[in-house]
Amino acid sequence: MNAHDAIWLVGRPVLGGSAALATRLHSHGADRIPTSGGVVLAFNHFSWIDIPCFGWVCRRNLYFLAKVEAHGVPGLGQLIRSFGTLSVRRGESDREAVRQMREVVRDGNALGVFVEGTRQRNGVPGHVQPGAAMVAVQEGVPVVCGAIHGSQRWKLGNFAPVSIAWSEPMSFDGLPRGGKGYREASGQIEAELHRLWAWLRDLHEAGRPRHAVPPTRDDAAPVTLPA
């Protein structure tokens, strides 16, 4: 067991377990995540509580991305780096971050990416940036989308319920390596996150039945994305 695995062994129940209790967390379809091999996990993002929630329900140890400014915060920077979190400069080309992301999945690990690049303040998933798709297309690994709902309303003390839904693995083997392929893959990831999020929204309105199964890409209705 290396240091990264040891940190996750301790941190998952301490941080993730606490987040799961505080959010009354439900997860649907986590068995769709491949148990081995390189994979990109593509998440939408509303709140800081999303991070330990995803870490709790995904049984693989993740390599998250975090903005470079977070790595410079005393205490927080050391903590997130101990979990293997990579730094990325938002809003600009970061070749070193892309290199490290590709290396993570090439080595057979799970890369966790908040694909919108920042938290969405309006309470719905936003536009997907191309980084996750780029890594998946270049390295030939699948993408599994993880949509989260409820954390846009969660605050310390209110215990608002939060749920996560997972997609089936998405393959982009037929897409070209380049801007056109990355845009196509990003569009598919965005559509799938919106579809799963809408399913979770309806699930919450129905009282959050515990054993509901997320729709597959074949049987889900088309989604109209925001302009």
Protein backbone atom coordinates (compact mmCIF):
# COMPACT_ATOMS: atom_id res chain seq x y z
CA MET A 1 0.00 0.00 0.00
CA ASN A 2 1.44 3.37 -1.02
CA ALA A 3 0.97 6.69 0.80
CA HIS A 4 -1.89 7.77 -1.49
CA ASP A 5 -3.86 4.59 -0.74
CA ALA A 6 -3.18 4.92 2.99
CA ILE A 7 -4.50 8.48 3.06
CA TRP A 8 -7.68 7.41 1.28
CA LEU A 9 -8.10 4.45 3.64
CA VAL A 10 -8.28 6.88 6.57
CA GLY A 11 -9.76 9.92 4.85
CA ARG A 12 -12.70 8.24 3.12
CA PRO A 13 -14.54 7.25 6.34
CA VAL A 14 -13.51 10.38 8.26
CA LEU A 15 -14.28 13.05 5.64
CA GLY A 16 -16.52 11.15 3.24
CA GLY A 17 -18.51 9.39 5.93
CA SER A 18 -19.15 12.66 7.73
CA ALA A 19 -20.30 14.29 4.48
CA ALA A 20 -22.62 11.36 3.76
CA LEU A 21 -24.28 11.74 7.15
CA ALA A 22 -24.56 15.53 6.87
CA THR A 23 -26.22 15.29 3.45
CA ARG A 24 -28.27 12.11 3.95
CA LEU A 25 -26.48 10.98 0.82
CA HIS A 26 -27.98 8.51 -1.65
CA SER A 27 -26.03 7.08 -4.59
CA HIS A 28 -27.56 5.37 -7.63
CA GLY A 29 -25.63 3.26 -10.13
CA ALA A 30 -22.16 3.34 -8.56
CA ASP A 31 -21.67 -0.25 -9.68
CA ARG A 32 -21.29 1.15 -13.21
CA ILE A 33 -17.84 2.53 -12.34
CA PRO A 34 -15.14 0.15 -13.65
CA THR A 35 -13.34 -1.49 -10.76
CA SER A 36 -9.94 -1.31 -12.44
CA GLY A 37 -8.14 0.42 -15.28
CA GLY A 38 -7.87 4.04 -16.27
CA VAL A 39 -11.12 5.99 -16.20
CA VAL A 40 -12.23 9.62 -16.14
CA LEU A 41 -15.07 10.43 -13.74
CA ALA A 42 -16.86 13.58 -14.90
CA PHE A 43 -18.77 15.50 -12.21
CA ASN A 44 -20.95 18.59 -12.08
CA HIS A 45 -20.29 20.93 -9.15
CA PHE A 46 -22.38 23.08 -6.80
CA SER A 47 -20.70 23.07 -3.38
CA TRP A 48 -17.50 22.14 -1.57
CA ILE A 49 -19.49 19.27 0.01
CA ASP A 50 -19.58 17.61 -3.44
CA ILE A 51 -15.92 16.59 -3.11
CA PRO A 52 -16.18 14.32 -0.04
CA CYS A 53 -19.58 13.06 -1.24
CA PHE A 54 -18.12 11.79 -4.52
CA GLY A 55 -15.10 10.46 -2.68
CA TRP A 56 -17.36 8.50 -0.32
CA VAL A 57 -19.59 6.77 -2.88
CA CYS A 58 -16.83 6.00 -5.40
CA ARG A 59 -14.97 3.02 -4.00
CA ARG A 60 -11.89 3.72 -6.09
CA ASN A 61 -9.26 6.15 -4.86
CA LEU A 62 -9.53 9.32 -6.93
CA TYR A 63 -7.12 11.86 -8.26
CA PHE A 64 -9.11 15.09 -8.20
CA LEU A 65 -8.25 18.38 -9.88
CA ALA A 66 -8.22 21.63 -7.89
CA LYS A 67 -7.40 25.19 -8.89
CA VAL A 68 -3.81 26.16 -8.19
CA GLU A 69 -4.95 28.80 -5.68
CA ALA A 70 -6.40 26.08 -3.42
CA HIS A 71 -3.03 24.37 -3.32
CA GLY A 72 -1.53 27.58 -1.92
CA VAL A 73 -3.89 27.82 1.06
CA PRO A 74 -2.03 26.83 4.26
CA GLY A 75 -3.34 23.54 5.60
CA LEU A 76 -5.81 22.98 2.76
CA GLY A 77 -3.05 22.68 0.18
CA GLN A 78 -1.21 20.03 2.17
CA LEU A 79 -4.45 18.13 2.80
CA ILE A 80 -5.60 17.95 -0.80
CA ARG A 81 -2.14 17.05 -2.07
CA SER A 82 -2.00 14.17 0.38
CA PHE A 83 -5.07 12.74 -1.41
CA GLY A 84 -3.25 13.00 -4.74
CA THR A 85 -5.09 16.12 -5.95
CA LEU A 86 -3.55 17.74 -9.02
CA SER A 87 -3.32 21.51 -9.51
CA VAL A 88 -4.67 23.29 -12.57
CA ARG A 89 -4.66 26.92 -13.68
CA ARG A 90 -8.23 27.86 -14.51
CA GLY A 91 -9.04 29.88 -17.60
CA GLU A 92 -5.77 29.23 -19.41
CA SER A 93 -3.91 26.45 -21.15
CA ASP A 94 -2.10 24.26 -18.61
CA ARG A 95 -0.03 21.65 -20.44
CA GLU A 96 1.55 20.34 -17.26
CA ALA A 97 -1.87 19.67 -15.74
CA VAL A 98 -2.98 17.83 -18.89
CA ARG A 99 0.22 15.78 -18.85
CA GLN A 100 -0.41 14.74 -15.25
CA MET A 101 -4.07 13.94 -15.96
CA ARG A 102 -3.08 11.70 -18.85
CA GLU A 103 -0.43 10.02 -16.70
CA VAL A 104 -3.00 9.24 -13.98
CA VAL A 105 -5.31 7.30 -16.30
CA ARG A 106 -2.42 5.78 -18.28
CA ASP A 107 -1.24 4.23 -15.00
CA GLY A 108 -4.67 2.63 -14.52
CA ASN A 109 -6.10 5.09 -12.00
CA ALA A 110 -9.37 7.01 -11.65
CA LEU A 111 -9.28 10.74 -12.44
CA GLY A 112 -12.07 12.87 -10.95
CA VAL A 113 -12.86 16.07 -12.85
CA PHE A 114 -15.42 18.78 -12.06
CA VAL A 115 -15.93 19.38 -15.73
CA GLU A 116 -17.58 22.82 -15.60
CA GLY A 117 -14.36 24.23 -14.16
CA THR A 118 -16.06 25.99 -11.26
CA ARG A 119 -19.12 25.78 -9.00
CA GLN A 120 -22.46 26.58 -10.61
CA ARG A 121 -24.26 29.25 -8.58
CA ASN A 122 -27.57 29.02 -10.47
CA GLY A 123 -28.35 25.52 -9.20
CA VAL A 124 -28.23 23.65 -12.53
CA PRO A 125 -25.32 21.96 -14.33
CA GLY A 126 -23.32 24.25 -16.61
CA HIS A 127 -21.22 24.08 -19.74
CA VAL A 128 -18.60 21.31 -19.84
CA GLN A 129 -15.00 22.32 -20.47
CA PRO A 130 -12.88 20.09 -22.78
CA GLY A 131 -10.21 18.83 -20.35
CA ALA A 132 -11.88 15.57 -19.32
CA ALA A 133 -12.83 14.71 -22.90
CA MET A 134 -9.31 15.50 -24.09
CA VAL A 135 -7.77 13.05 -21.64
CA ALA A 136 -10.31 10.32 -22.44
CA VAL A 137 -9.88 10.67 -26.22
CA GLN A 138 -6.09 10.87 -26.11
CA GLU A 139 -5.64 7.93 -23.74
CA GLY A 140 -8.51 5.78 -25.01
CA VAL A 141 -10.16 5.39 -21.58
CA PRO A 142 -13.89 5.52 -20.73
CA VAL A 143 -15.73 8.37 -19.05
CA VAL A 144 -18.32 7.77 -16.33
CA CYS A 145 -20.51 10.76 -15.50
CA GLY A 146 -21.48 11.43 -11.90
CA ALA A 147 -24.32 13.95 -11.50
CA ILE A 148 -25.05 15.46 -8.11
CA HIS A 149 -28.30 17.13 -7.02
CA GLY A 150 -29.29 18.75 -3.73
CA SER A 151 -25.91 20.17 -2.78
CA GLN A 152 -26.91 23.49 -4.41
CA ARG A 153 -29.29 23.90 -1.46
CA TRP A 154 -27.12 22.29 1.22
CA LYS A 155 -25.60 24.45 3.96
CA LEU A 156 -24.04 23.69 7.31
CA GLY A 157 -26.86 22.87 9.67
CA ASN A 158 -29.75 22.43 7.24
CA PHE A 159 -28.99 18.78 6.30
CA ALA A 160 -30.63 19.16 2.87
CA PRO A 161 -30.67 15.76 1.12
CA VAL A 162 -28.12 15.13 -1.63
CA SER A 163 -28.11 12.40 -4.28
CA ILE A 164 -25.65 11.19 -6.92
CA ALA A 165 -26.42 9.26 -10.12
CA TRP A 166 -23.85 7.51 -12.31
CA SER A 167 -23.84 6.86 -16.04
CA GLU A 168 -22.71 3.78 -17.86
CA PRO A 169 -19.13 4.03 -19.17
CA MET A 170 -18.93 6.22 -22.28
CA SER A 171 -16.39 5.35 -24.98
CA PHE A 172 -15.04 7.88 -27.48
CA ASP A 173 -12.86 5.49 -29.49
CA GLY A 174 -14.29 6.65 -32.81
CA LEU A 175 -13.58 10.35 -32.30
CA PRO A 176 -10.51 12.10 -33.72
CA ARG A 177 -7.75 13.43 -31.49
CA GLY A 178 -8.14 17.17 -31.85
CA GLY A 179 -10.50 20.02 -31.22
CA LYS A 180 -13.41 18.53 -33.17
CA GLY A 181 -13.24 15.24 -31.27
CA TYR A 182 -12.86 16.95 -27.90
CA ARG A 183 -15.88 19.18 -28.58
CA GLU A 184 -18.02 16.21 -29.62
CA ALA A 185 -17.03 14.19 -26.53
CA SER A 186 -17.58 17.20 -24.25
CA GLY A 187 -21.05 17.68 -25.72
CA GLN A 188 -21.92 14.07 -25.00
CA ILE A 189 -20.64 14.37 -21.43
CA GLU A 190 -22.63 17.58 -20.93
CA ALA A 191 -25.83 16.01 -22.26
CA GLU A 192 -25.39 12.97 -20.01
CA LEU A 193 -24.78 15.09 -16.88
CA HIS A 194 -27.89 17.16 -17.61
CA ARG A 195 -29.92 14.01 -18.22
CA LEU A 196 -28.82 12.38 -14.97
CA TRP A 197 -29.30 15.60 -13.02
CA ALA A 198 -32.86 15.98 -14.35
CA TRP A 199 -33.54 12.37 -13.33
CA LEU A 200 -32.28 13.12 -9.81
CA ARG A 201 -34.40 16.27 -9.63
CA ASP A 202 -37.50 14.23 -10.47
CA LEU A 203 -36.40 11.53 -8.03
CA HIS A 204 -36.24 14.08 -5.19
CA GLU A 205 -39.70 15.34 -6.08
CA ALA A 206 -40.93 11.73 -5.86
CA GLY A 207 -39.52 11.32 -2.33
CA ARG A 208 -36.11 9.82 -3.19
CA PRO A 209 -36.92 6.09 -3.54
CA ARG A 210 -33.74 4.45 -2.35
CA HIS A 211 -33.30 1.70 -4.94
CA ALA A 212 -34.10 3.63 -8.12
CA VAL A 213 -31.79 2.87 -11.07
CA PRO A 214 -30.56 5.70 -13.31
CA PRO A 215 -31.60 5.52 -16.99
CA THR A 216 -29.20 4.19 -19.56
CA ARG A 217 -28.19 6.31 -22.52
CA ASP A 218 -30.41 4.14 -24.75
CA ASP A 219 -33.63 4.56 -22.81
CA ALA A 220 -33.23 8.16 -21.57
CA ALA A 221 -35.17 10.95 -23.24
CA PRO A 222 -33.25 13.61 -25.19
CA VAL A 223 -32.14 16.65 -23.20
CA THR A 224 -32.29 20.24 -24.39
CA LEU A 225 -29.15 21.98 -23.15
CA PRO A 226 -29.19 25.64 -22.09
CA ALA A 227 -27.86 28.12 -24.62
